[in-house]
Amino acid sequence: MAEKVKILISEDEIRRRVKEIAAQINRDYQGQSVHLICIMKGSLFYTCELARNLTMPVTIDYMAVSSYGSDTKSSGVVKMIKDLDESIEGKNVIVVEDIIDSGRTLSYLLENLSLRKPARLALTALLDKPDRRVTEVTVDYTGFVVPDYFVVGYGLDYDQRYRNLPYVGVLSFTEEE
């Protein structure tokens, strides 16, 4: 099988939209600081670009969670792989995610983080796939709503590949000739 990636959202579109989201966050948190939680590994690119466009003091921490294990289908059980390094109590926290599909993992994660008593807890996702939603999740800052395609690039991967693409593309498989 040969793999092919077709651009869905260009690098320029992503940059423009991330600047718009950052401008909204700058307005919403004017005069305050924010603590970004980057959900690894996929949201690394989005977190960096977002942070670069924020005008207030910003701190960043990382979490890694999974509901997939070694399978390609969600097990429904969320596993914490890497927790935060510092407390979020009393902080304005924005969880930064690459893509939301079923909502299960993020629902669990937001519930877990809210128990840690942040001053404010918000969610931003570069991509949202509402057609795949099983558990309702409120996204405060959405980059793009996308159809139910398998997407890669800008941090999103297939078997750890394609993360470095500067755009979001649809991955398809074709028979080799």
C-alpha atoms as a PDB file:
ATOM      1  CA  MET A   1       0.000   0.000   0.000  1.00  0.00           C
ATOM      2  CA  ALA A   2       1.217   3.460  -0.888  1.00  0.00           C
ATOM      3  CA  GLU A   3       0.405   6.406   1.330  1.00  0.00           C
ATOM      4  CA  LYS A   4      -0.684   9.739  -0.087  1.00  0.00           C
ATOM      5  CA  VAL A   5      -1.283  13.032   1.740  1.00  0.00           C
ATOM      6  CA  LYS A   6      -3.571  15.681   0.253  1.00  0.00           C
ATOM      7  CA  ILE A   7      -3.561  19.156   1.816  1.00  0.00           C
ATOM      8  CA  LEU A   8      -6.757  19.895   3.746  1.00  0.00           C
ATOM      9  CA  ILE A   9      -5.657  23.034   5.634  1.00  0.00           C
ATOM     10  CA  SER A  10      -2.658  24.999   4.350  1.00  0.00           C
ATOM     11  CA  GLU A  11       0.222  26.322   6.419  1.00  0.00           C
ATOM     12  CA  ASP A  12      -0.979  29.907   5.823  1.00  0.00           C
ATOM     13  CA  GLU A  13      -4.533  29.062   6.908  1.00  0.00           C
ATOM     14  CA  ILE A  14      -3.217  27.479  10.105  1.00  0.00           C
ATOM     15  CA  ARG A  15      -0.981  30.441  10.932  1.00  0.00           C
ATOM     16  CA  ARG A  16      -3.805  32.904  10.287  1.00  0.00           C
ATOM     17  CA  ARG A  17      -6.271  30.968  12.442  1.00  0.00           C
ATOM     18  CA  VAL A  18      -3.803  30.463  15.309  1.00  0.00           C
ATOM     19  CA  LYS A  19      -3.194  34.247  15.338  1.00  0.00           C
ATOM     20  CA  GLU A  20      -6.969  34.811  15.527  1.00  0.00           C
ATOM     21  CA  ILE A  21      -7.300  32.376  18.437  1.00  0.00           C
ATOM     22  CA  ALA A  22      -4.344  34.003  20.220  1.00  0.00           C
ATOM     23  CA  ALA A  23      -5.935  37.439  19.736  1.00  0.00           C
ATOM     24  CA  GLN A  24      -9.160  36.160  21.347  1.00  0.00           C
ATOM     25  CA  ILE A  25      -7.218  34.657  24.278  1.00  0.00           C
ATOM     26  CA  ASN A  26      -5.286  37.929  24.631  1.00  0.00           C
ATOM     27  CA  ARG A  27      -8.628  39.758  24.963  1.00  0.00           C
ATOM     28  CA  ASP A  28     -10.177  37.161  27.298  1.00  0.00           C
ATOM     29  CA  TYR A  29      -7.175  37.084  29.651  1.00  0.00           C
ATOM     30  CA  GLN A  30      -6.032  40.701  29.329  1.00  0.00           C
ATOM     31  CA  GLY A  31      -3.888  41.731  32.295  1.00  0.00           C
ATOM     32  CA  GLN A  32      -3.547  38.119  33.488  1.00  0.00           C
ATOM     33  CA  SER A  33      -1.181  35.222  32.886  1.00  0.00           C
ATOM     34  CA  VAL A  34      -2.017  31.829  31.397  1.00  0.00           C
ATOM     35  CA  HIS A  35      -0.662  28.336  31.903  1.00  0.00           C
ATOM     36  CA  LEU A  36      -0.810  26.208  28.746  1.00  0.00           C
ATOM     37  CA  ILE A  37      -1.004  22.432  29.059  1.00  0.00           C
ATOM     38  CA  CYS A  38       0.270  20.826  25.886  1.00  0.00           C
ATOM     39  CA  ILE A  39      -1.232  17.373  25.320  1.00  0.00           C
ATOM     40  CA  MET A  40       1.610  15.371  23.843  1.00  0.00           C
ATOM     41  CA  LYS A  41       2.662  14.574  21.265  1.00  0.00           C
ATOM     42  CA  GLY A  42       0.258  15.899  18.678  1.00  0.00           C
ATOM     43  CA  SER A  43      -0.376  19.386  20.058  1.00  0.00           C
ATOM     44  CA  LEU A  44       3.291  20.378  20.314  1.00  0.00           C
ATOM     45  CA  PHE A  45       3.282  22.448  17.102  1.00  0.00           C
ATOM     46  CA  TYR A  46      -0.021  24.138  17.956  1.00  0.00           C
ATOM     47  CA  THR A  47       1.113  24.935  21.503  1.00  0.00           C
ATOM     48  CA  CYS A  48       4.339  26.548  20.305  1.00  0.00           C
ATOM     49  CA  GLU A  49       2.643  28.645  17.628  1.00  0.00           C
ATOM     50  CA  LEU A  50      -0.113  29.703  20.023  1.00  0.00           C
ATOM     51  CA  ALA A  51       2.343  30.661  22.785  1.00  0.00           C
ATOM     52  CA  ARG A  52       4.393  32.759  20.344  1.00  0.00           C
ATOM     53  CA  ASN A  53       1.282  34.833  19.577  1.00  0.00           C
ATOM     54  CA  LEU A  54       0.149  35.413  23.157  1.00  0.00           C
ATOM     55  CA  THR A  55       1.026  38.785  24.676  1.00  0.00           C
ATOM     56  CA  MET A  56       0.596  37.981  28.375  1.00  0.00           C
ATOM     57  CA  PRO A  57       2.971  35.996  30.609  1.00  0.00           C
ATOM     58  CA  VAL A  58       2.779  32.328  29.590  1.00  0.00           C
ATOM     59  CA  THR A  59       3.964  29.159  31.309  1.00  0.00           C
ATOM     60  CA  ILE A  60       3.778  25.723  29.703  1.00  0.00           C
ATOM     61  CA  ASP A  61       3.560  22.180  31.030  1.00  0.00           C
ATOM     62  CA  TYR A  62       2.974  18.856  29.294  1.00  0.00           C
ATOM     63  CA  MET A  63       0.734  15.839  29.718  1.00  0.00           C
ATOM     64  CA  ALA A  64       0.509  12.604  27.795  1.00  0.00           C
ATOM     65  CA  VAL A  65      -2.625  10.480  27.895  1.00  0.00           C
ATOM     66  CA  SER A  66      -3.848   7.616  25.772  1.00  0.00           C
ATOM     67  CA  SER A  67      -6.955   5.547  25.271  1.00  0.00           C
ATOM     68  CA  TYR A  68      -5.504   3.539  22.412  1.00  0.00           C
ATOM     69  CA  GLY A  69      -2.695   1.406  23.803  1.00  0.00           C
ATOM     70  CA  SER A  70      -1.118  -0.434  20.881  1.00  0.00           C
ATOM     71  CA  ASP A  71      -4.356  -0.656  18.899  1.00  0.00           C
ATOM     72  CA  THR A  72      -5.814   1.717  16.316  1.00  0.00           C
ATOM     73  CA  LYS A  73      -9.207   1.765  18.064  1.00  0.00           C
ATOM     74  CA  SER A  74      -9.857   3.402  21.409  1.00  0.00           C
ATOM     75  CA  SER A  75     -10.126   1.012  24.331  1.00  0.00           C
ATOM     76  CA  GLY A  76     -12.301   3.527  26.179  1.00  0.00           C
ATOM     77  CA  VAL A  77      -9.907   3.365  29.140  1.00  0.00           C
ATOM     78  CA  VAL A  78      -7.801   6.500  29.549  1.00  0.00           C
ATOM     79  CA  LYS A  79      -4.230   5.948  30.672  1.00  0.00           C
ATOM     80  CA  MET A  80      -2.094   8.773  32.094  1.00  0.00           C
ATOM     81  CA  ILE A  81       1.367   8.359  30.569  1.00  0.00           C
ATOM     82  CA  LYS A  82       2.909  11.631  31.768  1.00  0.00           C
ATOM     83  CA  ASP A  83       1.370  13.920  34.382  1.00  0.00           C
ATOM     84  CA  LEU A  84       2.056  17.601  34.982  1.00  0.00           C
ATOM     85  CA  ASP A  85       5.302  18.678  36.592  1.00  0.00           C
ATOM     86  CA  GLU A  86       3.743  21.442  38.697  1.00  0.00           C
ATOM     87  CA  SER A  87       0.497  22.365  40.411  1.00  0.00           C
ATOM     88  CA  ILE A  88      -2.190  24.272  38.496  1.00  0.00           C
ATOM     89  CA  GLU A  89      -4.067  25.414  41.591  1.00  0.00           C
ATOM     90  CA  GLY A  90      -5.136  29.035  41.224  1.00  0.00           C
ATOM     91  CA  LYS A  91      -3.836  29.346  37.645  1.00  0.00           C
ATOM     92  CA  ASN A  92      -5.638  30.275  34.433  1.00  0.00           C
ATOM     93  CA  VAL A  93      -5.207  26.999  32.566  1.00  0.00           C
ATOM     94  CA  ILE A  94      -5.735  26.426  28.858  1.00  0.00           C
ATOM     95  CA  VAL A  95      -5.514  22.824  27.688  1.00  0.00           C
ATOM     96  CA  VAL A  96      -4.070  22.707  24.161  1.00  0.00           C
ATOM     97  CA  GLU A  97      -5.120  19.709  22.069  1.00  0.00           C
ATOM     98  CA  ASP A  98      -4.416  18.844  18.447  1.00  0.00           C
ATOM     99  CA  ILE A  99      -7.722  17.150  17.605  1.00  0.00           C
ATOM    100  CA  ILE A 100     -10.932  16.192  19.346  1.00  0.00           C
ATOM    101  CA  ASP A 101     -12.880  13.280  17.977  1.00  0.00           C
ATOM    102  CA  SER A 102     -14.835  11.019  20.377  1.00  0.00           C
ATOM    103  CA  GLY A 103     -14.281  13.380  23.325  1.00  0.00           C
ATOM    104  CA  ARG A 104     -13.711  10.549  25.803  1.00  0.00           C
ATOM    105  CA  THR A 105     -10.078  11.302  26.592  1.00  0.00           C
ATOM    106  CA  LEU A 106     -10.587  15.052  26.886  1.00  0.00           C
ATOM    107  CA  SER A 107     -13.707  14.675  29.009  1.00  0.00           C
ATOM    108  CA  TYR A 108     -11.730  12.538  31.454  1.00  0.00           C
ATOM    109  CA  LEU A 109      -8.761  14.888  31.338  1.00  0.00           C
ATOM    110  CA  LEU A 110     -10.797  18.067  31.926  1.00  0.00           C
ATOM    111  CA  GLU A 111     -12.581  16.439  34.862  1.00  0.00           C
ATOM    112  CA  ASN A 112      -9.225  15.375  36.314  1.00  0.00           C
ATOM    113  CA  LEU A 113      -7.738  18.862  35.878  1.00  0.00           C
ATOM    114  CA  SER A 114     -10.771  20.645  37.350  1.00  0.00           C
ATOM    115  CA  LEU A 115     -10.235  18.687  40.599  1.00  0.00           C
ATOM    116  CA  ARG A 116      -6.809  20.361  40.844  1.00  0.00           C
ATOM    117  CA  LYS A 117      -8.522  23.726  41.467  1.00  0.00           C
ATOM    118  CA  PRO A 118      -7.356  25.983  38.641  1.00  0.00           C
ATOM    119  CA  ALA A 119      -8.715  29.552  38.756  1.00  0.00           C
ATOM    120  CA  ARG A 120     -10.072  29.021  35.247  1.00  0.00           C
ATOM    121  CA  LEU A 121      -9.979  26.006  32.919  1.00  0.00           C
ATOM    122  CA  ALA A 122     -10.404  26.360  29.154  1.00  0.00           C
ATOM    123  CA  LEU A 123      -9.817  24.139  26.140  1.00  0.00           C
ATOM    124  CA  THR A 124      -8.463  24.922  22.702  1.00  0.00           C
ATOM    125  CA  ALA A 125      -8.203  22.427  19.873  1.00  0.00           C
ATOM    126  CA  LEU A 126      -6.679  22.997  16.480  1.00  0.00           C
ATOM    127  CA  LEU A 127      -9.103  20.504  14.911  1.00  0.00           C
ATOM    128  CA  ASP A 128     -12.569  19.379  15.924  1.00  0.00           C
ATOM    129  CA  LYS A 129     -14.354  16.335  14.453  1.00  0.00           C
ATOM    130  CA  PRO A 130     -17.887  16.675  15.847  1.00  0.00           C
ATOM    131  CA  ASP A 131     -19.147  13.779  13.683  1.00  0.00           C
ATOM    132  CA  ARG A 132     -17.143  11.383  15.872  1.00  0.00           C
ATOM    133  CA  ARG A 133     -18.273  12.810  19.215  1.00  0.00           C
ATOM    134  CA  VAL A 134     -19.402  10.235  21.762  1.00  0.00           C
ATOM    135  CA  THR A 135     -18.883  12.339  24.900  1.00  0.00           C
ATOM    136  CA  GLU A 136     -19.779  16.025  24.880  1.00  0.00           C
ATOM    137  CA  VAL A 137     -16.810  18.362  25.323  1.00  0.00           C
ATOM    138  CA  THR A 138     -16.962  22.155  25.274  1.00  0.00           C
ATOM    139  CA  VAL A 139     -14.175  23.641  23.170  1.00  0.00           C
ATOM    140  CA  ASP A 140     -13.567  27.282  24.081  1.00  0.00           C
ATOM    141  CA  TYR A 141     -11.261  28.069  21.151  1.00  0.00           C
ATOM    142  CA  THR A 142     -11.587  25.959  17.985  1.00  0.00           C
ATOM    143  CA  GLY A 143      -9.215  26.196  15.063  1.00  0.00           C
ATOM    144  CA  PHE A 144     -11.046  24.255  12.367  1.00  0.00           C
ATOM    145  CA  VAL A 145     -14.006  21.889  12.211  1.00  0.00           C
ATOM    146  CA  VAL A 146     -13.053  18.991   9.952  1.00  0.00           C
ATOM    147  CA  PRO A 147     -14.930  16.051   8.428  1.00  0.00           C
ATOM    148  CA  ASP A 148     -14.234  12.508   9.582  1.00  0.00           C
ATOM    149  CA  TYR A 149     -11.001  12.042   7.625  1.00  0.00           C
ATOM    150  CA  PHE A 150      -7.763  10.551   8.907  1.00  0.00           C
ATOM    151  CA  VAL A 151      -5.560  13.648   9.110  1.00  0.00           C
ATOM    152  CA  VAL A 152      -1.833  14.094   9.586  1.00  0.00           C
ATOM    153  CA  GLY A 153       0.631  16.961   9.738  1.00  0.00           C
ATOM    154  CA  TYR A 154       1.207  19.924  12.031  1.00  0.00           C
ATOM    155  CA  GLY A 155       1.834  17.508  14.902  1.00  0.00           C
ATOM    156  CA  LEU A 156      -0.663  14.818  13.942  1.00  0.00           C
ATOM    157  CA  ASP A 157       0.839  11.490  12.962  1.00  0.00           C
ATOM    158  CA  TYR A 158       0.318   8.115  11.434  1.00  0.00           C
ATOM    159  CA  ASP A 159       2.646   5.594  13.068  1.00  0.00           C
ATOM    160  CA  GLN A 160       4.802   8.496  14.338  1.00  0.00           C
ATOM    161  CA  ARG A 161       5.283   9.856  10.813  1.00  0.00           C
ATOM    162  CA  TYR A 162       4.053  13.042   9.110  1.00  0.00           C
ATOM    163  CA  ARG A 163       4.092  15.190  12.300  1.00  0.00           C
ATOM    164  CA  ASN A 164       6.581  17.559  10.674  1.00  0.00           C
ATOM    165  CA  LEU A 165       4.348  18.559   7.752  1.00  0.00           C
ATOM    166  CA  PRO A 166       3.609  22.311   7.987  1.00  0.00           C
ATOM    167  CA  TYR A 167      -0.021  21.758   6.950  1.00  0.00           C
ATOM    168  CA  VAL A 168      -2.871  19.388   7.856  1.00  0.00           C
ATOM    169  CA  GLY A 169      -3.492  16.767   5.203  1.00  0.00           C
ATOM    170  CA  VAL A 170      -5.784  13.834   4.587  1.00  0.00           C
ATOM    171  CA  LEU A 171      -3.941  10.521   4.558  1.00  0.00           C
ATOM    172  CA  SER A 172      -5.127   7.928   2.090  1.00  0.00           C
ATOM    173  CA  PHE A 173      -3.865   4.529   1.045  1.00  0.00           C
ATOM    174  CA  THR A 174      -3.678   3.286  -2.507  1.00  0.00           C
ATOM    175  CA  GLU A 175      -2.639   0.036  -4.116  1.00  0.00           C
ATOM    176  CA  GLU A 176       0.896   0.199  -5.435  1.00  0.00           C
ATOM    177  CA  GLU A 177       1.245  -0.404  -9.145  1.00  0.00           C
END
